[in-house]
Protein backbone atom coordinates (compact mmCIF):
# COMPACT_ATOMS: atom_id res chain seq x y z
CA MET A 1 2.01 6.07 96.14
CA THR A 2 -1.53 7.02 94.68
CA ASP A 3 -2.52 10.33 93.37
CA LEU A 4 -4.56 12.44 95.04
CA SER A 5 -8.06 13.16 94.02
CA ALA A 6 -8.95 16.85 92.61
CA ALA A 7 -10.97 17.66 96.24
CA CYS A 8 -8.07 16.12 98.36
CA ARG A 9 -5.60 18.04 96.40
CA LEU A 10 -7.76 21.20 97.44
CA LYS A 11 -8.19 20.53 101.07
CA LEU A 12 -4.81 19.75 101.50
CA ALA A 13 -3.57 23.14 99.32
CA ALA A 14 -6.17 25.44 102.09
CA ILE A 15 -4.63 23.79 104.97
CA GLU A 16 -0.87 24.79 103.56
CA GLU A 17 -1.78 28.12 102.96
CA PHE A 18 -3.77 28.49 106.71
CA PHE A 19 -0.63 26.99 108.33
CA PHE A 20 2.07 29.30 106.10
CA MET A 21 0.15 32.39 105.95
CA SER A 22 -0.95 32.52 109.38
CA GLN A 23 1.86 30.97 111.09
CA LYS A 24 5.79 30.63 111.48
CA PHE A 25 7.83 27.52 112.74
CA ASP A 26 10.82 26.12 113.42
CA VAL A 27 10.34 23.25 111.77
CA VAL A 28 7.63 21.54 109.27
CA VAL A 29 7.35 17.43 109.01
CA ILE A 30 6.58 16.60 105.68
CA GLY A 31 4.96 13.31 106.06
CA ALA A 32 3.34 12.44 109.54
CA GLY A 33 4.34 8.12 108.78
CA PRO A 34 6.67 6.28 111.33
CA GLY A 35 9.74 8.47 110.95
CA GLY A 36 7.84 11.53 111.18
CA TYR A 37 5.02 11.46 113.36
CA VAL A 38 8.12 10.97 115.66
CA ALA A 39 10.60 13.48 114.64
CA ALA A 40 7.20 16.24 114.37
CA ILE A 41 7.16 14.87 118.74
CA LYS A 42 10.44 15.45 119.16
CA ALA A 43 10.69 18.76 118.22
CA ALA A 44 7.68 20.00 120.20
CA GLN A 45 8.83 18.34 123.08
CA LEU A 46 12.63 19.96 122.57
CA GLY A 47 10.57 22.96 122.76
CA LEU A 48 10.23 23.90 118.69
CA LYS A 49 7.37 25.70 117.33
CA THR A 50 6.69 22.64 114.78
CA ALA A 51 4.12 21.66 112.08
CA CYS A 52 3.34 18.10 110.57
CA ILE A 53 1.81 17.63 106.89
CA GLU A 54 -0.04 14.84 106.23
CA LYS A 55 -2.21 13.91 103.21
CA TYR A 56 -3.53 10.21 104.52
CA GLN A 57 -7.45 10.16 105.12
CA ASP A 58 -9.13 8.31 106.85
CA LYS A 59 -12.05 6.41 105.42
CA GLU A 60 -14.39 9.25 106.81
CA GLY A 61 -11.83 11.85 104.83
CA LYS A 62 -10.51 12.99 108.21
CA LEU A 63 -6.73 13.63 108.32
CA ALA A 64 -4.75 11.49 110.16
CA LEU A 65 -1.42 11.23 111.59
CA GLY A 66 0.93 7.81 111.29
CA GLY A 67 -0.12 7.88 107.42
CA THR A 68 -1.30 4.56 105.60
CA CYS A 69 1.10 2.06 106.92
CA LEU A 70 -0.07 2.56 110.48
CA ASN A 71 -3.41 3.38 109.42
CA GLY A 72 -4.12 1.60 106.69
CA GLY A 73 -2.16 -1.55 107.02
């Protein structure tokens, strides 16, 4: 796993602060890889208020669910 850049860490911190300071969740899934995004979808389907936290960014800098394996290969 590679270290996050300073800019990426700041973006992630801002996202986390927004979610956790303004909302409450029944389930928080950390990591949106092959297991994480499935777990988040299932929790939401069961009616739980769900958040999924992922650090992966595509080549354009956009956050993407699925993690490195799904998005990067």
